[in-house]
Amino acid sequence: MQTLNLEKLPDFARHELEDFYQFLLQKYAGQQQDLNESVPLAPRLVKPFEPLPREAVYER
């Protein structure tokens, strides 16, 4: 993993990066999900498509 030199950045940019890093840790580090238990890849059932009648398209 590459290390980043934050010394070249202004203080506000370093603060933003630290906040973003904390956000990523909260979002991803706490979740150790098994890939098999995640969202199923099979398609879900949806309602059949009902096209609009021509009159409905041109109504105002």
PDB file of N, CA and C in Angstrom:
ATOM      1  N   MET A   1       0.853  -1.174   0.000  1.00  0.00           N
ATOM      2  CA  MET A   1       0.000   0.000   0.000  1.00  0.00           C
ATOM      3  C   MET A   1       0.892   1.228   0.000  1.00  0.00           C
ATOM      4  N   GLN A   2       0.529   2.190  -0.789  1.00  0.00           N
ATOM      5  CA  GLN A   2       1.288   3.430  -0.897  1.00  0.00           C
ATOM      6  C   GLN A   2       0.942   4.358   0.264  1.00  0.00           C
ATOM      7  N   THR A   3       1.943   5.010   0.834  1.00  0.00           N
ATOM      8  CA  THR A   3       1.690   6.009   1.878  1.00  0.00           C
ATOM      9  C   THR A   3       1.577   7.379   1.225  1.00  0.00           C
ATOM     10  N   LEU A   4       0.767   8.214   1.823  1.00  0.00           N
ATOM     11  CA  LEU A   4       0.521   9.542   1.273  1.00  0.00           C
ATOM     12  C   LEU A   4       1.215  10.596   2.116  1.00  0.00           C
ATOM     13  N   ASN A   5       1.836  11.554   1.460  1.00  0.00           N
ATOM     14  CA  ASN A   5       2.473  12.665   2.151  1.00  0.00           C
ATOM     15  C   ASN A   5       1.476  13.818   2.187  1.00  0.00           C
ATOM     16  N   LEU A   6       0.879  14.053   3.355  1.00  0.00           N
ATOM     17  CA  LEU A   6      -0.122  15.096   3.490  1.00  0.00           C
ATOM     18  C   LEU A   6       0.475  16.448   3.835  1.00  0.00           C
ATOM     19  N   GLU A   7       1.769  16.501   4.038  1.00  0.00           N
ATOM     20  CA  GLU A   7       2.423  17.750   4.425  1.00  0.00           C
ATOM     21  C   GLU A   7       2.312  18.813   3.331  1.00  0.00           C
ATOM     22  N   LYS A   8       2.161  18.389   2.087  1.00  0.00           N
ATOM     23  CA  LYS A   8       2.087  19.343   0.979  1.00  0.00           C
ATOM     24  C   LYS A   8       0.717  20.002   0.882  1.00  0.00           C
ATOM     25  N   LEU A   9      -0.269  19.481   1.586  1.00  0.00           N
ATOM     26  CA  LEU A   9      -1.629  19.999   1.504  1.00  0.00           C
ATOM     27  C   LEU A   9      -1.881  21.072   2.546  1.00  0.00           C
ATOM     28  N   PRO A  10      -2.783  21.996   2.245  1.00  0.00           N
ATOM     29  CA  PRO A  10      -3.178  22.982   3.267  1.00  0.00           C
ATOM     30  C   PRO A  10      -3.950  22.302   4.394  1.00  0.00           C
ATOM     31  N   ASP A  11      -4.048  22.986   5.514  1.00  0.00           N
ATOM     32  CA  ASP A  11      -4.694  22.406   6.696  1.00  0.00           C
ATOM     33  C   ASP A  11      -6.133  21.976   6.428  1.00  0.00           C
ATOM     34  N   PHE A  12      -6.911  22.805   5.711  1.00  0.00           N
ATOM     35  CA  PHE A  12      -8.311  22.445   5.491  1.00  0.00           C
ATOM     36  C   PHE A  12      -8.430  21.186   4.635  1.00  0.00           C
ATOM     37  N   ALA A  13      -7.509  20.989   3.686  1.00  0.00           N
ATOM     38  CA  ALA A  13      -7.537  19.788   2.852  1.00  0.00           C
ATOM     39  C   ALA A  13      -7.184  18.552   3.672  1.00  0.00           C
ATOM     40  N   ARG A  14      -6.229  18.690   4.567  1.00  0.00           N
ATOM     41  CA  ARG A  14      -5.883  17.564   5.457  1.00  0.00           C
ATOM     42  C   ARG A  14      -7.066  17.195   6.336  1.00  0.00           C
ATOM     43  N   HIS A  15      -7.748  18.213   6.844  1.00  0.00           N
ATOM     44  CA  HIS A  15      -8.912  17.967   7.700  1.00  0.00           C
ATOM     45  C   HIS A  15     -10.008  17.238   6.913  1.00  0.00           C
ATOM     46  N   GLU A  16     -10.243  17.659   5.661  1.00  0.00           N
ATOM     47  CA  GLU A  16     -11.248  16.998   4.828  1.00  0.00           C
ATOM     48  C   GLU A  16     -10.872  15.535   4.583  1.00  0.00           C
ATOM     49  N   LEU A  17      -9.609  15.276   4.319  1.00  0.00           N
ATOM     50  CA  LEU A  17      -9.168  13.902   4.089  1.00  0.00           C
ATOM     51  C   LEU A  17      -9.324  13.046   5.346  1.00  0.00           C
ATOM     52  N   GLU A  18      -9.021  13.618   6.498  1.00  0.00           N
ATOM     53  CA  GLU A  18      -9.187  12.881   7.753  1.00  0.00           C
ATOM     54  C   GLU A  18     -10.657  12.566   8.003  1.00  0.00           C
ATOM     55  N   ASP A  19     -11.536  13.528   7.733  1.00  0.00           N
ATOM     56  CA  ASP A  19     -12.972  13.289   7.888  1.00  0.00           C
ATOM     57  C   ASP A  19     -13.448  12.190   6.947  1.00  0.00           C
ATOM     58  N   PHE A  20     -12.992  12.245   5.700  1.00  0.00           N
ATOM     59  CA  PHE A  20     -13.394  11.241   4.724  1.00  0.00           C
ATOM     60  C   PHE A  20     -12.873   9.861   5.121  1.00  0.00           C
ATOM     61  N   TYR A  21     -11.657   9.812   5.623  1.00  0.00           N
ATOM     62  CA  TYR A  21     -11.091   8.540   6.075  1.00  0.00           C
ATOM     63  C   TYR A  21     -11.920   7.957   7.223  1.00  0.00           C
ATOM     64  N   GLN A  22     -12.313   8.792   8.173  1.00  0.00           N
ATOM     65  CA  GLN A  22     -13.149   8.324   9.279  1.00  0.00           C
ATOM     66  C   GLN A  22     -14.494   7.811   8.768  1.00  0.00           C
ATOM     67  N   PHE A  23     -15.067   8.510   7.794  1.00  0.00           N
ATOM     68  CA  PHE A  23     -16.318   8.072   7.179  1.00  0.00           C
ATOM     69  C   PHE A  23     -16.158   6.694   6.545  1.00  0.00           C
ATOM     70  N   LEU A  24     -15.082   6.501   5.791  1.00  0.00           N
ATOM     71  CA  LEU A  24     -14.849   5.203   5.153  1.00  0.00           C
ATOM     72  C   LEU A  24     -14.656   4.100   6.179  1.00  0.00           C
ATOM     73  N   LEU A  25     -13.944   4.406   7.266  1.00  0.00           N
ATOM     74  CA  LEU A  25     -13.767   3.405   8.316  1.00  0.00           C
ATOM     75  C   LEU A  25     -15.099   3.006   8.923  1.00  0.00           C
ATOM     76  N   GLN A  26     -15.955   3.978   9.199  1.00  0.00           N
ATOM     77  CA  GLN A  26     -17.260   3.670   9.786  1.00  0.00           C
ATOM     78  C   GLN A  26     -18.119   2.881   8.824  1.00  0.00           C
ATOM     79  N   LYS A  27     -18.041   3.208   7.559  1.00  0.00           N
ATOM     80  CA  LYS A  27     -18.908   2.564   6.575  1.00  0.00           C
ATOM     81  C   LYS A  27     -18.453   1.149   6.239  1.00  0.00           C
ATOM     82  N   TYR A  28     -17.144   0.943   6.057  1.00  0.00           N
ATOM     83  CA  TYR A  28     -16.666  -0.332   5.540  1.00  0.00           C
ATOM     84  C   TYR A  28     -15.921  -1.193   6.541  1.00  0.00           C
ATOM     85  N   ALA A  29     -15.207  -0.623   7.488  1.00  0.00           N
ATOM     86  CA  ALA A  29     -14.388  -1.430   8.394  1.00  0.00           C
ATOM     87  C   ALA A  29     -15.253  -2.238   9.354  1.00  0.00           C
ATOM     88  N   GLY A  30     -16.421  -1.712   9.720  1.00  0.00           N
ATOM     89  CA  GLY A  30     -17.292  -2.427  10.638  1.00  0.00           C
ATOM     90  C   GLY A  30     -18.105  -3.518   9.972  1.00  0.00           C
ATOM     91  N   GLN A  31     -18.124  -3.547   8.662  1.00  0.00           N
ATOM     92  CA  GLN A  31     -18.934  -4.520   7.939  1.00  0.00           C
ATOM     93  C   GLN A  31     -18.042  -5.606   7.359  1.00  0.00           C
ATOM     94  N   GLN A  32     -18.030  -6.725   7.981  1.00  0.00           N
ATOM     95  CA  GLN A  32     -17.300  -7.871   7.457  1.00  0.00           C
ATOM     96  C   GLN A  32     -18.318  -8.890   6.957  1.00  0.00           C
ATOM     97  N   GLN A  33     -18.975  -8.560   5.852  1.00  0.00           N
ATOM     98  CA  GLN A  33     -20.011  -9.425   5.305  1.00  0.00           C
ATOM     99  C   GLN A  33     -19.391 -10.517   4.454  1.00  0.00           C
ATOM    100  N   ASP A  34     -20.044 -11.647   4.485  1.00  0.00           N
ATOM    101  CA  ASP A  34     -19.689 -12.723   3.587  1.00  0.00           C
ATOM    102  C   ASP A  34     -20.318 -12.402   2.237  1.00  0.00           C
ATOM    103  N   LEU A  35     -19.574 -12.571   1.163  1.00  0.00           N
ATOM    104  CA  LEU A  35     -20.108 -12.222  -0.150  1.00  0.00           C
ATOM    105  C   LEU A  35     -21.329 -13.050  -0.511  1.00  0.00           C
ATOM    106  N   ASN A  36     -21.427 -14.262   0.003  1.00  0.00           N
ATOM    107  CA  ASN A  36     -22.581 -15.105  -0.302  1.00  0.00           C
ATOM    108  C   ASN A  36     -23.843 -14.618   0.397  1.00  0.00           C
ATOM    109  N   GLU A  37     -23.716 -13.830   1.452  1.00  0.00           N
ATOM    110  CA  GLU A  37     -24.870 -13.353   2.194  1.00  0.00           C
ATOM    111  C   GLU A  37     -25.322 -11.974   1.747  1.00  0.00           C
ATOM    112  N   SER A  38     -24.669 -11.390   0.763  1.00  0.00           N
ATOM    113  CA  SER A  38     -25.053 -10.064   0.309  1.00  0.00           C
ATOM    114  C   SER A  38     -26.277 -10.161  -0.604  1.00  0.00           C
ATOM    115  N   VAL A  39     -26.591  -9.111  -1.277  1.00  0.00           N
ATOM    116  CA  VAL A  39     -27.778  -9.048  -2.129  1.00  0.00           C
ATOM    117  C   VAL A  39     -27.715 -10.146  -3.189  1.00  0.00           C
ATOM    118  N   PRO A  40     -28.798 -10.875  -3.357  1.00  0.00           N
ATOM    119  CA  PRO A  40     -28.773 -11.948  -4.364  1.00  0.00           C
ATOM    120  C   PRO A  40     -28.635 -11.373  -5.774  1.00  0.00           C
ATOM    121  N   LEU A  41     -27.977 -12.120  -6.636  1.00  0.00           N
ATOM    122  CA  LEU A  41     -27.745 -11.663  -7.991  1.00  0.00           C
ATOM    123  C   LEU A  41     -28.893 -12.017  -8.935  1.00  0.00           C
ATOM    124  N   ALA A  42     -29.823 -12.847  -8.481  1.00  0.00           N
ATOM    125  CA  ALA A  42     -30.947 -13.227  -9.330  1.00  0.00           C
ATOM    126  C   ALA A  42     -31.839 -12.022  -9.562  1.00  0.00           C
ATOM    127  N   PRO A  43     -32.409 -11.895 -10.757  1.00  0.00           N
ATOM    128  CA  PRO A  43     -33.290 -10.754 -11.009  1.00  0.00           C
ATOM    129  C   PRO A  43     -34.562 -10.852 -10.175  1.00  0.00           C
ATOM    130  N   ARG A  44     -35.098  -9.707  -9.816  1.00  0.00           N
ATOM    131  CA  ARG A  44     -36.326  -9.700  -9.040  1.00  0.00           C
ATOM    132  C   ARG A  44     -37.519  -9.499  -9.970  1.00  0.00           C
ATOM    133  N   LEU A  45     -38.680  -9.845  -9.490  1.00  0.00           N
ATOM    134  CA  LEU A  45     -39.885  -9.709 -10.285  1.00  0.00           C
ATOM    135  C   LEU A  45     -40.302  -8.242 -10.344  1.00  0.00           C
ATOM    136  N   VAL A  46     -40.667  -7.800 -11.513  1.00  0.00           N
ATOM    137  CA  VAL A  46     -41.148  -6.433 -11.705  1.00  0.00           C
ATOM    138  C   VAL A  46     -42.476  -6.481 -12.442  1.00  0.00           C
ATOM    139  N   LYS A  47     -43.223  -5.377 -12.320  1.00  0.00           N
ATOM    140  CA  LYS A  47     -44.501  -5.315 -13.020  1.00  0.00           C
ATOM    141  C   LYS A  47     -44.250  -5.281 -14.521  1.00  0.00           C
ATOM    142  N   PRO A  48     -45.174  -5.865 -15.288  1.00  0.00           N
ATOM    143  CA  PRO A  48     -45.012  -5.787 -16.747  1.00  0.00           C
ATOM    144  C   PRO A  48     -45.103  -4.339 -17.222  1.00  0.00           C
ATOM    145  N   PHE A  49     -44.398  -4.032 -18.263  1.00  0.00           N
ATOM    146  CA  PHE A  49     -44.390  -2.687 -18.825  1.00  0.00           C
ATOM    147  C   PHE A  49     -45.712  -2.424 -19.530  1.00  0.00           C
ATOM    148  N   GLU A  50     -46.312  -1.289 -19.218  1.00  0.00           N
ATOM    149  CA  GLU A  50     -47.543  -0.883 -19.875  1.00  0.00           C
ATOM    150  C   GLU A  50     -47.262   0.410 -20.628  1.00  0.00           C
ATOM    151  N   PRO A  51     -47.200   0.353 -21.959  1.00  0.00           N
ATOM    152  CA  PRO A  51     -46.901   1.572 -22.719  1.00  0.00           C
ATOM    153  C   PRO A  51     -48.040   2.575 -22.626  1.00  0.00           C
ATOM    154  N   LEU A  52     -47.690   3.831 -22.702  1.00  0.00           N
ATOM    155  CA  LEU A  52     -48.693   4.887 -22.677  1.00  0.00           C
ATOM    156  C   LEU A  52     -49.428   4.933 -24.017  1.00  0.00           C
ATOM    157  N   PRO A  53     -50.724   5.193 -23.985  1.00  0.00           N
ATOM    158  CA  PRO A  53     -51.421   5.384 -25.259  1.00  0.00           C
ATOM    159  C   PRO A  53     -50.982   6.703 -25.894  1.00  0.00           C
ATOM    160  N   ARG A  54     -51.087   6.793 -27.183  1.00  0.00           N
ATOM    161  CA  ARG A  54     -50.655   7.975 -27.918  1.00  0.00           C
ATOM    162  C   ARG A  54     -51.340   9.239 -27.396  1.00  0.00           C
ATOM    163  N   GLU A  55     -52.605   9.134 -27.031  1.00  0.00           N
ATOM    164  CA  GLU A  55     -53.348  10.296 -26.550  1.00  0.00           C
ATOM    165  C   GLU A  55     -52.747  10.821 -25.239  1.00  0.00           C
ATOM    166  N   ALA A  56     -52.312   9.940 -24.375  1.00  0.00           N
ATOM    167  CA  ALA A  56     -51.745  10.352 -23.091  1.00  0.00           C
ATOM    168  C   ALA A  56     -50.407  11.048 -23.280  1.00  0.00           C
ATOM    169  N   VAL A  57     -49.663  10.670 -24.313  1.00  0.00           N
ATOM    170  CA  VAL A  57     -48.364  11.270 -24.541  1.00  0.00           C
ATOM    171  C   VAL A  57     -48.523  12.718 -24.990  1.00  0.00           C
ATOM    172  N   TYR A  58     -49.523  12.990 -25.832  1.00  0.00           N
ATOM    173  CA  TYR A  58     -49.675  14.324 -26.402  1.00  0.00           C
ATOM    174  C   TYR A  58     -50.649  15.195 -25.628  1.00  0.00           C
ATOM    175  N   GLU A  59     -51.208  14.708 -24.525  1.00  0.00           N
ATOM    176  CA  GLU A  59     -52.103  15.534 -23.707  1.00  0.00           C
ATOM    177  C   GLU A  59     -51.310  16.623 -23.008  1.00  0.00           C
ATOM    178  N   ARG A  60     -51.959  17.738 -22.745  1.00  0.00           N
ATOM    179  CA  ARG A  60     -51.314  18.811 -21.978  1.00  0.00           C
ATOM    180  C   ARG A  60     -52.173  19.217 -20.859  1.00  0.00           C
TER     181      ARG A  60
END
